[in-house]
Amino acid sequence: MFDIGFGELALIFFIGLVVLGPERFSCIIRKTSEFMSAAKDTVNSIKRDLIYELQIKELQKDLNKAEQMEMKNLPPKLKSSVEKLRKIVQDIHQPYSNKVKYKNVNNRES
C-alpha cells in the first residue's frame, strides 16, 4: 500500500517504541489499527453504494431504450420483463420522491 519494506517497517516500529515507550506505543498502534479498519469499511461501503447506483442507472437506460423501441414491437416475454424492471425502479425511487409537508407556524395552509 505504501511500498514500505519489512526492514523499513521494523525500523519505524523500533523508533516509535523507543520514543513513545511500550504503553503509549501500543495504544497508538491500536488506535491506528482502528482508524485503518474504519477507513477500509467506509471505502467498501462507498464502493458498494456506487455499484448499486450504477446498476440502477443501467436499468433506467435499458428501460429508456425499450420505450424508444416502442413497447408494441416487443415480444410478450420481454414486455413482462420491462414492466417488472419499471416497477422495481419505481419502488426504489418512491421513498425519495415523496415530499414532506410542513405545517406553517401561523396555522395557515402552505
N, C-alpha and C. Protein backbone atom coordinates (compact mmCIF):
# COMPACT_ATOMS: atom_id res chain seq x y z
N MET A 1 0.82 -1.18 0.00
CA MET A 1 0.00 0.00 0.00
C MET A 1 0.87 1.25 0.00
N PHE A 2 1.81 1.34 0.94
CA PHE A 2 2.70 2.50 0.99
C PHE A 2 4.07 2.16 0.42
N ASP A 3 4.24 0.95 -0.08
CA ASP A 3 5.50 0.49 -0.66
C ASP A 3 6.64 0.58 0.37
N ILE A 4 6.37 0.08 1.57
CA ILE A 4 7.36 0.05 2.65
C ILE A 4 7.77 -1.40 2.86
N GLY A 5 9.07 -1.65 2.86
CA GLY A 5 9.57 -2.99 3.08
C GLY A 5 9.55 -3.37 4.55
N PHE A 6 9.86 -4.64 4.83
CA PHE A 6 9.84 -5.13 6.20
C PHE A 6 10.90 -4.43 7.05
N GLY A 7 12.09 -4.22 6.50
CA GLY A 7 13.16 -3.56 7.25
C GLY A 7 12.78 -2.14 7.64
N GLU A 8 12.19 -1.40 6.70
CA GLU A 8 11.77 -0.03 7.00
C GLU A 8 10.67 -0.01 8.05
N LEU A 9 9.74 -0.95 7.94
CA LEU A 9 8.65 -1.04 8.91
C LEU A 9 9.18 -1.38 10.30
N ALA A 10 10.13 -2.31 10.37
CA ALA A 10 10.72 -2.68 11.66
C ALA A 10 11.46 -1.48 12.28
N LEU A 11 12.16 -0.70 11.45
CA LEU A 11 12.86 0.48 11.94
C LEU A 11 11.87 1.51 12.50
N ILE A 12 10.77 1.73 11.81
CA ILE A 12 9.74 2.67 12.29
C ILE A 12 9.18 2.19 13.62
N PHE A 13 8.87 0.90 13.73
CA PHE A 13 8.36 0.36 15.00
C PHE A 13 9.37 0.51 16.12
N PHE A 14 10.63 0.23 15.84
CA PHE A 14 11.66 0.33 16.87
C PHE A 14 11.82 1.77 17.35
N ILE A 15 11.87 2.72 16.42
CA ILE A 15 12.00 4.13 16.80
C ILE A 15 10.76 4.58 17.59
N GLY A 16 9.57 4.17 17.15
CA GLY A 16 8.35 4.51 17.88
C GLY A 16 8.34 3.93 19.27
N LEU A 17 8.83 2.71 19.41
CA LEU A 17 8.88 2.06 20.72
C LEU A 17 9.84 2.79 21.66
N VAL A 18 11.00 3.20 21.12
CA VAL A 18 11.99 3.90 21.94
C VAL A 18 11.48 5.29 22.33
N VAL A 19 10.92 6.02 21.38
CA VAL A 19 10.49 7.40 21.63
C VAL A 19 9.25 7.45 22.52
N LEU A 20 8.26 6.62 22.24
CA LEU A 20 6.98 6.70 22.95
C LEU A 20 6.89 5.80 24.18
N GLY A 21 7.66 4.79 24.22
CA GLY A 21 7.57 3.85 25.34
C GLY A 21 6.54 2.76 25.02
N PRO A 22 6.63 1.63 25.72
CA PRO A 22 5.77 0.50 25.38
C PRO A 22 4.27 0.76 25.61
N GLU A 23 3.91 1.50 26.65
CA GLU A 23 2.49 1.71 26.94
C GLU A 23 1.84 2.63 25.91
N ARG A 24 2.45 3.77 25.65
CA ARG A 24 1.88 4.71 24.68
C ARG A 24 1.97 4.17 23.26
N PHE A 25 3.04 3.44 22.96
CA PHE A 25 3.22 2.91 21.61
C PHE A 25 2.12 1.89 21.29
N SER A 26 1.81 1.01 22.24
CA SER A 26 0.76 0.02 22.00
C SER A 26 -0.60 0.69 21.83
N CYS A 27 -0.84 1.75 22.58
CA CYS A 27 -2.10 2.50 22.46
C CYS A 27 -2.20 3.15 21.08
N ILE A 28 -1.11 3.73 20.62
CA ILE A 28 -1.10 4.38 19.30
C ILE A 28 -1.28 3.36 18.19
N ILE A 29 -0.64 2.20 18.32
CA ILE A 29 -0.80 1.14 17.32
C ILE A 29 -2.26 0.69 17.28
N ARG A 30 -2.88 0.52 18.43
CA ARG A 30 -4.28 0.09 18.50
C ARG A 30 -5.18 1.12 17.83
N LYS A 31 -4.99 2.40 18.14
CA LYS A 31 -5.83 3.46 17.56
C LYS A 31 -5.61 3.57 16.05
N THR A 32 -4.37 3.41 15.62
CA THR A 32 -4.08 3.45 14.19
C THR A 32 -4.76 2.29 13.48
N SER A 33 -4.73 1.13 14.10
CA SER A 33 -5.39 -0.04 13.52
C SER A 33 -6.90 0.17 13.43
N GLU A 34 -7.50 0.74 14.48
CA GLU A 34 -8.94 1.02 14.46
C GLU A 34 -9.28 2.03 13.37
N PHE A 35 -8.44 3.06 13.22
CA PHE A 35 -8.68 4.07 12.19
C PHE A 35 -8.60 3.45 10.80
N MET A 36 -7.58 2.63 10.56
CA MET A 36 -7.42 2.00 9.25
C MET A 36 -8.60 1.07 8.95
N SER A 37 -9.08 0.36 9.97
CA SER A 37 -10.22 -0.52 9.79
C SER A 37 -11.48 0.28 9.45
N ALA A 38 -11.69 1.38 10.15
CA ALA A 38 -12.85 2.23 9.87
C ALA A 38 -12.76 2.84 8.47
N ALA A 39 -11.57 3.26 8.08
CA ALA A 39 -11.38 3.83 6.74
C ALA A 39 -11.66 2.78 5.67
N LYS A 40 -11.20 1.56 5.90
CA LYS A 40 -11.43 0.47 4.94
C LYS A 40 -12.92 0.16 4.83
N ASP A 41 -13.63 0.13 5.96
CA ASP A 41 -15.07 -0.12 5.95
C ASP A 41 -15.81 0.98 5.21
N THR A 42 -15.38 2.23 5.40
CA THR A 42 -16.02 3.35 4.72
C THR A 42 -15.82 3.26 3.21
N VAL A 43 -14.61 2.94 2.79
CA VAL A 43 -14.32 2.80 1.36
C VAL A 43 -15.15 1.67 0.76
N ASN A 44 -15.25 0.55 1.47
CA ASN A 44 -16.04 -0.58 0.97
C ASN A 44 -17.52 -0.21 0.88
N SER A 45 -18.02 0.55 1.83
CA SER A 45 -19.41 0.98 1.82
C SER A 45 -19.68 1.90 0.63
N ILE A 46 -18.78 2.83 0.40
CA ILE A 46 -18.92 3.75 -0.74
C ILE A 46 -18.88 2.97 -2.05
N LYS A 47 -17.97 2.02 -2.14
CA LYS A 47 -17.85 1.21 -3.34
C LYS A 47 -19.15 0.43 -3.60
N ARG A 48 -19.72 -0.15 -2.53
CA ARG A 48 -20.96 -0.91 -2.64
C ARG A 48 -22.10 0.00 -3.10
N ASP A 49 -22.18 1.21 -2.54
CA ASP A 49 -23.23 2.15 -2.92
C ASP A 49 -23.09 2.59 -4.38
N LEU A 50 -21.88 2.82 -4.82
CA LEU A 50 -21.66 3.22 -6.21
C LEU A 50 -22.06 2.12 -7.18
N ILE A 51 -21.71 0.89 -6.85
CA ILE A 51 -22.08 -0.24 -7.71
C ILE A 51 -23.60 -0.35 -7.79
N TYR A 52 -24.27 -0.18 -6.66
CA TYR A 52 -25.73 -0.25 -6.62
C TYR A 52 -26.34 0.85 -7.48
N GLU A 53 -25.82 2.07 -7.35
CA GLU A 53 -26.34 3.19 -8.14
C GLU A 53 -26.09 2.98 -9.63
N LEU A 54 -24.94 2.44 -9.98
CA LEU A 54 -24.65 2.19 -11.39
C LEU A 54 -25.59 1.13 -11.97
N GLN A 55 -25.93 0.13 -11.16
CA GLN A 55 -26.88 -0.88 -11.63
C GLN A 55 -28.25 -0.26 -11.86
N ILE A 56 -28.66 0.66 -11.00
CA ILE A 56 -29.94 1.33 -11.18
C ILE A 56 -29.92 2.17 -12.45
N LYS A 57 -28.82 2.89 -12.68
CA LYS A 57 -28.69 3.70 -13.90
C LYS A 57 -28.77 2.82 -15.14
N GLU A 58 -28.14 1.64 -15.08
CA GLU A 58 -28.16 0.73 -16.21
C GLU A 58 -29.58 0.24 -16.48
N LEU A 59 -30.33 -0.06 -15.42
CA LEU A 59 -31.72 -0.47 -15.58
C LEU A 59 -32.55 0.65 -16.21
N GLN A 60 -32.32 1.87 -15.77
CA GLN A 60 -33.05 3.00 -16.34
C GLN A 60 -32.73 3.18 -17.82
N LYS A 61 -31.46 3.01 -18.16
CA LYS A 61 -31.06 3.15 -19.56
C LYS A 61 -31.73 2.08 -20.42
N ASP A 62 -31.78 0.85 -19.90
CA ASP A 62 -32.44 -0.23 -20.63
C ASP A 62 -33.93 0.04 -20.80
N LEU A 63 -34.55 0.59 -19.76
CA LEU A 63 -35.97 0.94 -19.86
C LEU A 63 -36.21 2.03 -20.90
N ASN A 64 -35.34 3.01 -20.92
CA ASN A 64 -35.48 4.08 -21.92
C ASN A 64 -35.32 3.55 -23.33
N LYS A 65 -34.39 2.61 -23.52
CA LYS A 65 -34.22 2.01 -24.85
C LYS A 65 -35.48 1.26 -25.26
N ALA A 66 -36.05 0.54 -24.30
CA ALA A 66 -37.27 -0.22 -24.60
C ALA A 66 -38.42 0.72 -24.96
N GLU A 67 -38.51 1.85 -24.28
CA GLU A 67 -39.55 2.82 -24.59
C GLU A 67 -39.33 3.42 -25.97
N GLN A 68 -38.10 3.63 -26.34
CA GLN A 68 -37.80 4.19 -27.65
C GLN A 68 -38.13 3.19 -28.76
N MET A 69 -37.98 1.92 -28.47
CA MET A 69 -38.29 0.89 -29.46
C MET A 69 -39.80 0.66 -29.58
N GLU A 70 -40.53 1.34 -28.76
CA GLU A 70 -41.98 1.21 -28.66
C GLU A 70 -42.33 -0.17 -28.12
N MET A 71 -43.07 -0.15 -27.06
CA MET A 71 -43.43 -1.37 -26.36
C MET A 71 -44.27 -2.30 -27.23
N LYS A 72 -44.93 -1.77 -28.25
CA LYS A 72 -45.80 -2.60 -29.09
C LYS A 72 -45.00 -3.62 -29.89
N ASN A 73 -43.78 -3.30 -30.22
CA ASN A 73 -42.97 -4.18 -31.06
C ASN A 73 -42.23 -5.25 -30.26
N LEU A 74 -42.32 -5.21 -28.95
CA LEU A 74 -41.60 -6.17 -28.13
C LEU A 74 -42.38 -7.47 -27.99
N PRO A 75 -41.66 -8.59 -27.90
CA PRO A 75 -42.34 -9.86 -27.62
C PRO A 75 -42.96 -9.83 -26.22
N PRO A 76 -44.00 -10.62 -25.99
CA PRO A 76 -44.68 -10.60 -24.68
C PRO A 76 -43.76 -10.90 -23.50
N LYS A 77 -42.83 -11.82 -23.67
CA LYS A 77 -41.92 -12.16 -22.57
C LYS A 77 -41.05 -10.96 -22.21
N LEU A 78 -40.56 -10.26 -23.21
CA LEU A 78 -39.73 -9.09 -22.97
C LEU A 78 -40.56 -7.94 -22.38
N LYS A 79 -41.81 -7.83 -22.81
CA LYS A 79 -42.69 -6.80 -22.25
C LYS A 79 -42.87 -7.00 -20.75
N SER A 80 -43.09 -8.25 -20.34
CA SER A 80 -43.28 -8.52 -18.91
C SER A 80 -42.01 -8.21 -18.13
N SER A 81 -40.85 -8.51 -18.71
CA SER A 81 -39.58 -8.20 -18.05
C SER A 81 -39.40 -6.69 -17.90
N VAL A 82 -39.75 -5.95 -18.93
CA VAL A 82 -39.63 -4.49 -18.88
C VAL A 82 -40.57 -3.92 -17.82
N GLU A 83 -41.77 -4.45 -17.75
CA GLU A 83 -42.72 -3.97 -16.73
C GLU A 83 -42.22 -4.26 -15.32
N LYS A 84 -41.62 -5.43 -15.13
CA LYS A 84 -41.06 -5.77 -13.82
C LYS A 84 -39.92 -4.81 -13.46
N LEU A 85 -39.06 -4.53 -14.42
CA LEU A 85 -37.96 -3.60 -14.19
C LEU A 85 -38.48 -2.20 -13.87
N ARG A 86 -39.51 -1.79 -14.59
CA ARG A 86 -40.08 -0.46 -14.36
C ARG A 86 -40.65 -0.37 -12.94
N LYS A 87 -41.31 -1.44 -12.48
CA LYS A 87 -41.86 -1.45 -11.13
C LYS A 87 -40.74 -1.40 -10.09
N ILE A 88 -39.66 -2.14 -10.33
CA ILE A 88 -38.53 -2.14 -9.39
C ILE A 88 -37.92 -0.74 -9.29
N VAL A 89 -37.72 -0.09 -10.42
CA VAL A 89 -37.14 1.26 -10.41
C VAL A 89 -38.07 2.24 -9.71
N GLN A 90 -39.37 2.12 -9.94
CA GLN A 90 -40.32 3.00 -9.26
C GLN A 90 -40.31 2.76 -7.75
N ASP A 91 -40.22 1.50 -7.34
CA ASP A 91 -40.17 1.18 -5.91
C ASP A 91 -38.92 1.75 -5.26
N ILE A 92 -37.82 1.74 -5.99
CA ILE A 92 -36.56 2.26 -5.45
C ILE A 92 -36.63 3.77 -5.31
N HIS A 93 -37.19 4.45 -6.30
CA HIS A 93 -37.21 5.91 -6.29
C HIS A 93 -38.37 6.50 -5.51
N GLN A 94 -39.36 5.70 -5.17
CA GLN A 94 -40.54 6.22 -4.48
C GLN A 94 -40.22 6.87 -3.14
N PRO A 95 -39.39 6.27 -2.26
CA PRO A 95 -39.11 6.94 -0.98
C PRO A 95 -38.45 8.30 -1.14
N TYR A 96 -37.70 8.48 -2.23
CA TYR A 96 -37.00 9.74 -2.43
C TYR A 96 -37.89 10.80 -3.07
N SER A 97 -38.97 10.36 -3.72
CA SER A 97 -39.81 11.33 -4.42
C SER A 97 -40.94 11.87 -3.54
N ASN A 98 -41.23 11.21 -2.43
CA ASN A 98 -42.28 11.71 -1.53
C ASN A 98 -41.81 13.01 -0.88
N LYS A 99 -42.67 14.00 -0.95
CA LYS A 99 -42.32 15.28 -0.34
C LYS A 99 -42.94 15.35 1.05
N VAL A 100 -42.22 15.92 1.96
CA VAL A 100 -42.71 16.10 3.32
C VAL A 100 -43.45 17.43 3.38
N LYS A 101 -44.66 17.40 3.92
CA LYS A 101 -45.43 18.63 4.06
C LYS A 101 -45.21 19.18 5.46
N TYR A 102 -44.89 20.44 5.51
CA TYR A 102 -44.65 21.10 6.78
C TYR A 102 -45.83 22.01 7.11
N LYS A 103 -46.16 22.07 8.38
CA LYS A 103 -47.21 22.98 8.82
C LYS A 103 -46.61 24.37 8.97
N ASN A 104 -47.39 25.35 8.59
CA ASN A 104 -46.96 26.73 8.74
C ASN A 104 -47.08 27.11 10.22
N VAL A 105 -46.19 27.91 10.70
CA VAL A 105 -46.18 28.32 12.10
C VAL A 105 -47.44 29.09 12.45
N ASN A 106 -47.97 29.84 11.50
CA ASN A 106 -49.15 30.68 11.74
C ASN A 106 -50.45 29.92 11.49
N ASN A 107 -50.39 28.60 11.39
CA ASN A 107 -51.54 27.72 11.15
C ASN A 107 -52.25 28.03 9.84
N ARG A 108 -51.55 28.55 8.88
CA ARG A 108 -52.10 28.75 7.55
C ARG A 108 -51.69 27.57 6.69
N GLU A 109 -52.48 27.29 5.68
CA GLU A 109 -52.13 26.20 4.78
C GLU A 109 -51.00 26.65 3.88
N SER A 110 -50.06 25.72 3.60
CA SER A 110 -48.95 26.09 2.73
C SER A 110 -49.24 25.76 1.30
